[in-house]
Amino acid sequence: MKNNLPELRKGKGWSQSDLGDYVSVSRQTINAIEKDRYDPSLSLAFKIAHAFDRSIEQIFSYEEE
């Protein structure tokens, strides 16, 4: 799953730790999502979308490998 999370996060001036704290996960989880090594659960995807006032589809996109 691809995402534009790094750009959105940096646009708010947030570190990975800041976003992790906001959505109640570790910095390592945010890093893994940003590097496409981990797909967030639906509830986590909703929390992330809410943090940026966007829809899930505006942040995450599915690409077949």
PDB file of N, CA and C in Angstrom:
ATOM      1  N   MET A   1       0.842  -1.166   0.000  1.00  0.00           N
ATOM      2  CA  MET A   1       0.000   0.000   0.000  1.00  0.00           C
ATOM      3  C   MET A   1       0.892   1.235   0.000  1.00  0.00           C
ATOM      4  N   LYS A   2       0.686   2.096  -0.934  1.00  0.00           N
ATOM      5  CA  LYS A   2       1.454   3.341  -1.028  1.00  0.00           C
ATOM      6  C   LYS A   2       0.766   4.430  -0.209  1.00  0.00           C
ATOM      7  N   ASN A   3       1.544   5.431   0.183  1.00  0.00           N
ATOM      8  CA  ASN A   3       0.955   6.533   0.955  1.00  0.00           C
ATOM      9  C   ASN A   3       1.785   7.795   0.769  1.00  0.00           C
ATOM     10  N   ASN A   4       1.165   8.913   1.085  1.00  0.00           N
ATOM     11  CA  ASN A   4       1.865  10.199   1.051  1.00  0.00           C
ATOM     12  C   ASN A   4       2.038  10.752   2.466  1.00  0.00           C
ATOM     13  N   LEU A   5       2.150   9.852   3.409  1.00  0.00           N
ATOM     14  CA  LEU A   5       2.248  10.223   4.813  1.00  0.00           C
ATOM     15  C   LEU A   5       3.462  11.100   5.127  1.00  0.00           C
ATOM     16  N   PRO A   6       4.652  10.804   4.595  1.00  0.00           N
ATOM     17  CA  PRO A   6       5.789  11.681   4.935  1.00  0.00           C
ATOM     18  C   PRO A   6       5.562  13.145   4.545  1.00  0.00           C
ATOM     19  N   GLU A   7       5.007  13.363   3.369  1.00  0.00           N
ATOM     20  CA  GLU A   7       4.768  14.729   2.920  1.00  0.00           C
ATOM     21  C   GLU A   7       3.740  15.439   3.803  1.00  0.00           C
ATOM     22  N   LEU A   8       2.665  14.734   4.123  1.00  0.00           N
ATOM     23  CA  LEU A   8       1.630  15.320   4.980  1.00  0.00           C
ATOM     24  C   LEU A   8       2.183  15.622   6.366  1.00  0.00           C
ATOM     25  N   ARG A   9       2.925  14.678   6.908  1.00  0.00           N
ATOM     26  CA  ARG A   9       3.482  14.839   8.252  1.00  0.00           C
ATOM     27  C   ARG A   9       4.458  16.011   8.296  1.00  0.00           C
ATOM     28  N   LYS A  10       5.343  16.075   7.328  1.00  0.00           N
ATOM     29  CA  LYS A  10       6.315  17.168   7.290  1.00  0.00           C
ATOM     30  C   LYS A  10       5.630  18.513   7.063  1.00  0.00           C
ATOM     31  N   GLY A  11       4.538  18.503   6.304  1.00  0.00           N
ATOM     32  CA  GLY A  11       3.782  19.730   6.074  1.00  0.00           C
ATOM     33  C   GLY A  11       3.207  20.312   7.345  1.00  0.00           C
ATOM     34  N   LYS A  12       2.929  19.447   8.310  1.00  0.00           N
ATOM     35  CA  LYS A  12       2.426  19.912   9.611  1.00  0.00           C
ATOM     36  C   LYS A  12       3.566  20.203  10.578  1.00  0.00           C
ATOM     37  N   GLY A  13       4.790  19.890  10.160  1.00  0.00           N
ATOM     38  CA  GLY A  13       5.925  20.091  11.059  1.00  0.00           C
ATOM     39  C   GLY A  13       6.028  19.039  12.138  1.00  0.00           C
ATOM     40  N   TRP A  14       5.449  17.870  11.905  1.00  0.00           N
ATOM     41  CA  TRP A  14       5.439  16.794  12.892  1.00  0.00           C
ATOM     42  C   TRP A  14       6.562  15.815  12.624  1.00  0.00           C
ATOM     43  N   SER A  15       7.143  15.306  13.692  1.00  0.00           N
ATOM     44  CA  SER A  15       8.079  14.191  13.589  1.00  0.00           C
ATOM     45  C   SER A  15       7.272  12.895  13.538  1.00  0.00           C
ATOM     46  N   GLN A  16       7.956  11.804  13.248  1.00  0.00           N
ATOM     47  CA  GLN A  16       7.268  10.507  13.296  1.00  0.00           C
ATOM     48  C   GLN A  16       6.757  10.241  14.706  1.00  0.00           C
ATOM     49  N   SER A  17       7.531  10.641  15.706  1.00  0.00           N
ATOM     50  CA  SER A  17       7.094  10.467  17.103  1.00  0.00           C
ATOM     51  C   SER A  17       5.845  11.281  17.400  1.00  0.00           C
ATOM     52  N   ASP A  18       5.795  12.514  16.885  1.00  0.00           N
ATOM     53  CA  ASP A  18       4.616  13.361  17.109  1.00  0.00           C
ATOM     54  C   ASP A  18       3.364  12.694  16.551  1.00  0.00           C
ATOM     55  N   LEU A  19       3.447  12.208  15.311  1.00  0.00           N
ATOM     56  CA  LEU A  19       2.286  11.546  14.713  1.00  0.00           C
ATOM     57  C   LEU A  19       1.948  10.270  15.467  1.00  0.00           C
ATOM     58  N   GLY A  20       2.966   9.511  15.827  1.00  0.00           N
ATOM     59  CA  GLY A  20       2.736   8.296  16.600  1.00  0.00           C
ATOM     60  C   GLY A  20       2.000   8.576  17.901  1.00  0.00           C
ATOM     61  N   ASP A  21       2.432   9.617  18.594  1.00  0.00           N
ATOM     62  CA  ASP A  21       1.765   9.996  19.846  1.00  0.00           C
ATOM     63  C   ASP A  21       0.308  10.383  19.583  1.00  0.00           C
ATOM     64  N   TYR A  22       0.079  11.110  18.501  1.00  0.00           N
ATOM     65  CA  TYR A  22      -1.280  11.576  18.174  1.00  0.00           C
ATOM     66  C   TYR A  22      -2.229  10.417  17.902  1.00  0.00           C
ATOM     67  N   VAL A  23      -1.718   9.361  17.259  1.00  0.00           N
ATOM     68  CA  VAL A  23      -2.583   8.229  16.895  1.00  0.00           C
ATOM     69  C   VAL A  23      -2.338   6.997  17.779  1.00  0.00           C
ATOM     70  N   SER A  24      -1.558   7.173  18.832  1.00  0.00           N
ATOM     71  CA  SER A  24      -1.318   6.139  19.851  1.00  0.00           C
ATOM     72  C   SER A  24      -0.591   4.896  19.330  1.00  0.00           C
ATOM     73  N   VAL A  25       0.453   5.129  18.530  1.00  0.00           N
ATOM     74  CA  VAL A  25       1.348   4.047  18.120  1.00  0.00           C
ATOM     75  C   VAL A  25       2.788   4.543  18.264  1.00  0.00           C
ATOM     76  N   SER A  26       3.735   3.649  18.096  1.00  0.00           N
ATOM     77  CA  SER A  26       5.142   4.021  18.244  1.00  0.00           C
ATOM     78  C   SER A  26       5.669   4.730  17.001  1.00  0.00           C
ATOM     79  N   ARG A  27       6.785   5.404  17.178  1.00  0.00           N
ATOM     80  CA  ARG A  27       7.476   6.028  16.055  1.00  0.00           C
ATOM     81  C   ARG A  27       7.873   4.968  15.035  1.00  0.00           C
ATOM     82  N   GLN A  28       8.243   3.785  15.521  1.00  0.00           N
ATOM     83  CA  GLN A  28       8.645   2.701  14.635  1.00  0.00           C
ATOM     84  C   GLN A  28       7.495   2.256  13.736  1.00  0.00           C
ATOM     85  N   THR A  29       6.280   2.270  14.259  1.00  0.00           N
ATOM     86  CA  THR A  29       5.114   1.908  13.454  1.00  0.00           C
ATOM     87  C   THR A  29       4.901   2.932  12.345  1.00  0.00           C
ATOM     88  N   ILE A  30       5.005   4.206  12.678  1.00  0.00           N
ATOM     89  CA  ILE A  30       4.857   5.257  11.662  1.00  0.00           C
ATOM     90  C   ILE A  30       5.945   5.100  10.602  1.00  0.00           C
ATOM     91  N   ASN A  31       7.176   4.843  11.032  1.00  0.00           N
ATOM     92  CA  ASN A  31       8.273   4.651  10.092  1.00  0.00           C
ATOM     93  C   ASN A  31       7.989   3.473   9.156  1.00  0.00           C
ATOM     94  N   ALA A  32       7.517   2.374   9.700  1.00  0.00           N
ATOM     95  CA  ALA A  32       7.222   1.190   8.882  1.00  0.00           C
ATOM     96  C   ALA A  32       6.099   1.459   7.879  1.00  0.00           C
ATOM     97  N   ILE A  33       5.087   2.218   8.284  1.00  0.00           N
ATOM     98  CA  ILE A  33       3.999   2.581   7.364  1.00  0.00           C
ATOM     99  C   ILE A  33       4.554   3.458   6.249  1.00  0.00           C
ATOM    100  N   GLU A  34       5.347   4.455   6.608  1.00  0.00           N
ATOM    101  CA  GLU A  34       5.905   5.364   5.607  1.00  0.00           C
ATOM    102  C   GLU A  34       6.811   4.644   4.614  1.00  0.00           C
ATOM    103  N   LYS A  35       7.513   3.613   5.058  1.00  0.00           N
ATOM    104  CA  LYS A  35       8.439   2.868   4.197  1.00  0.00           C
ATOM    105  C   LYS A  35       7.756   1.697   3.480  1.00  0.00           C
ATOM    106  N   ASP A  36       6.426   1.619   3.577  1.00  0.00           N
ATOM    107  CA  ASP A  36       5.635   0.554   2.932  1.00  0.00           C
ATOM    108  C   ASP A  36       6.011  -0.839   3.419  1.00  0.00           C
ATOM    109  N   ARG A  37       6.435  -0.938   4.673  1.00  0.00           N
ATOM    110  CA  ARG A  37       6.748  -2.242   5.262  1.00  0.00           C
ATOM    111  C   ARG A  37       5.620  -2.750   6.148  1.00  0.00           C
ATOM    112  N   TYR A  38       4.620  -1.900   6.385  1.00  0.00           N
ATOM    113  CA  TYR A  38       3.523  -2.270   7.276  1.00  0.00           C
ATOM    114  C   TYR A  38       2.257  -1.570   6.800  1.00  0.00           C
ATOM    115  N   ASP A  39       1.197  -2.334   6.644  1.00  0.00           N
ATOM    116  CA  ASP A  39      -0.103  -1.759   6.288  1.00  0.00           C
ATOM    117  C   ASP A  39      -0.896  -1.540   7.571  1.00  0.00           C
ATOM    118  N   PRO A  40      -1.360  -0.325   7.797  1.00  0.00           N
ATOM    119  CA  PRO A  40      -2.090  -0.054   9.041  1.00  0.00           C
ATOM    120  C   PRO A  40      -3.443  -0.761   9.071  1.00  0.00           C
ATOM    121  N   SER A  41      -3.912  -1.032  10.266  1.00  0.00           N
ATOM    122  CA  SER A  41      -5.265  -1.554  10.423  1.00  0.00           C
ATOM    123  C   SER A  41      -6.243  -0.477   9.970  1.00  0.00           C
ATOM    124  N   LEU A  42      -7.468  -0.872   9.744  1.00  0.00           N
ATOM    125  CA  LEU A  42      -8.479   0.093   9.323  1.00  0.00           C
ATOM    126  C   LEU A  42      -8.663   1.177  10.383  1.00  0.00           C
ATOM    127  N   SER A  43      -8.697   0.792  11.641  1.00  0.00           N
ATOM    128  CA  SER A  43      -8.889   1.801  12.695  1.00  0.00           C
ATOM    129  C   SER A  43      -7.706   2.759  12.755  1.00  0.00           C
ATOM    130  N   LEU A  44      -6.479   2.268  12.559  1.00  0.00           N
ATOM    131  CA  LEU A  44      -5.321   3.155  12.554  1.00  0.00           C
ATOM    132  C   LEU A  44      -5.346   4.061  11.328  1.00  0.00           C
ATOM    133  N   ALA A  45      -5.744   3.526  10.182  1.00  0.00           N
ATOM    134  CA  ALA A  45      -5.853   4.352   8.971  1.00  0.00           C
ATOM    135  C   ALA A  45      -6.853   5.487   9.191  1.00  0.00           C
ATOM    136  N   PHE A  46      -7.968   5.201   9.858  1.00  0.00           N
ATOM    137  CA  PHE A  46      -8.948   6.254  10.162  1.00  0.00           C
ATOM    138  C   PHE A  46      -8.348   7.305  11.090  1.00  0.00           C
ATOM    139  N   LYS A  47      -7.590   6.880  12.105  1.00  0.00           N
ATOM    140  CA  LYS A  47      -6.967   7.837  13.026  1.00  0.00           C
ATOM    141  C   LYS A  47      -5.980   8.732  12.288  1.00  0.00           C
ATOM    142  N   ILE A  48      -5.191   8.128  11.402  1.00  0.00           N
ATOM    143  CA  ILE A  48      -4.221   8.912  10.634  1.00  0.00           C
ATOM    144  C   ILE A  48      -4.945   9.895   9.724  1.00  0.00           C
ATOM    145  N   ALA A  49      -5.986   9.433   9.048  1.00  0.00           N
ATOM    146  CA  ALA A  49      -6.755  10.318   8.162  1.00  0.00           C
ATOM    147  C   ALA A  49      -7.345  11.482   8.961  1.00  0.00           C
ATOM    148  N   HIS A  50      -7.855  11.191  10.137  1.00  0.00           N
ATOM    149  CA  HIS A  50      -8.432  12.234  10.988  1.00  0.00           C
ATOM    150  C   HIS A  50      -7.364  13.247  11.398  1.00  0.00           C
ATOM    151  N   ALA A  51      -6.158  12.774  11.673  1.00  0.00           N
ATOM    152  CA  ALA A  51      -5.071  13.666  12.086  1.00  0.00           C
ATOM    153  C   ALA A  51      -4.770  14.722  11.028  1.00  0.00           C
ATOM    154  N   PHE A  52      -4.983  14.359   9.760  1.00  0.00           N
ATOM    155  CA  PHE A  52      -4.705  15.285   8.666  1.00  0.00           C
ATOM    156  C   PHE A  52      -5.962  15.858   8.027  1.00  0.00           C
ATOM    157  N   ASP A  53      -7.112  15.569   8.621  1.00  0.00           N
ATOM    158  CA  ASP A  53      -8.395  16.056   8.113  1.00  0.00           C
ATOM    159  C   ASP A  53      -8.566  15.691   6.633  1.00  0.00           C
ATOM    160  N   ARG A  54      -8.293  14.417   6.332  1.00  0.00           N
ATOM    161  CA  ARG A  54      -8.423  13.897   4.968  1.00  0.00           C
ATOM    162  C   ARG A  54      -9.129  12.552   5.013  1.00  0.00           C
ATOM    163  N   SER A  55      -9.540  12.088   3.850  1.00  0.00           N
ATOM    164  CA  SER A  55     -10.107  10.744   3.784  1.00  0.00           C
ATOM    165  C   SER A  55      -8.963   9.731   3.700  1.00  0.00           C
ATOM    166  N   ILE A  56      -9.246   8.504   4.024  1.00  0.00           N
ATOM    167  CA  ILE A  56      -8.241   7.447   3.926  1.00  0.00           C
ATOM    168  C   ILE A  56      -7.691   7.374   2.504  1.00  0.00           C
ATOM    169  N   GLU A  57      -8.578   7.505   1.508  1.00  0.00           N
ATOM    170  CA  GLU A  57      -8.167   7.404   0.109  1.00  0.00           C
ATOM    171  C   GLU A  57      -7.228   8.531  -0.313  1.00  0.00           C
ATOM    172  N   GLN A  58      -7.272   9.654   0.395  1.00  0.00           N
ATOM    173  CA  GLN A  58      -6.376  10.763   0.083  1.00  0.00           C
ATOM    174  C   GLN A  58      -4.969  10.538   0.641  1.00  0.00           C
ATOM    175  N   ILE A  59      -4.821   9.553   1.513  1.00  0.00           N
ATOM    176  CA  ILE A  59      -3.524   9.259   2.116  1.00  0.00           C
ATOM    177  C   ILE A  59      -2.946   7.937   1.615  1.00  0.00           C
ATOM    178  N   PHE A  60      -3.807   6.921   1.519  1.00  0.00           N
ATOM    179  CA  PHE A  60      -3.354   5.583   1.158  1.00  0.00           C
ATOM    180  C   PHE A  60      -3.929   5.165  -0.190  1.00  0.00           C
ATOM    181  N   SER A  61      -3.109   4.464  -0.974  1.00  0.00           N
ATOM    182  CA  SER A  61      -3.597   3.907  -2.230  1.00  0.00           C
ATOM    183  C   SER A  61      -3.015   2.507  -2.398  1.00  0.00           C
ATOM    184  N   TYR A  62      -3.824   1.637  -2.964  1.00  0.00           N
ATOM    185  CA  TYR A  62      -3.422   0.252  -3.163  1.00  0.00           C
ATOM    186  C   TYR A  62      -2.825   0.097  -4.541  1.00  0.00           C
ATOM    187  N   GLU A  63      -1.654  -0.509  -4.589  1.00  0.00           N
ATOM    188  CA  GLU A  63      -1.013  -0.803  -5.862  1.00  0.00           C
ATOM    189  C   GLU A  63      -0.591  -2.273  -5.863  1.00  0.00           C
ATOM    190  N   GLU A  64      -1.048  -3.019  -6.865  1.00  0.00           N
ATOM    191  CA  GLU A  64      -0.649  -4.420  -6.953  1.00  0.00           C
ATOM    192  C   GLU A  64       0.819  -4.495  -7.351  1.00  0.00           C
ATOM    193  N   GLU A  65       1.493  -5.471  -6.782  1.00  0.00           N
ATOM    194  CA  GLU A  65       2.924  -5.616  -7.080  1.00  0.00           C
ATOM    195  C   GLU A  65       3.152  -6.522  -8.244  1.00  0.00           C
TER     196      GLU A  65
END
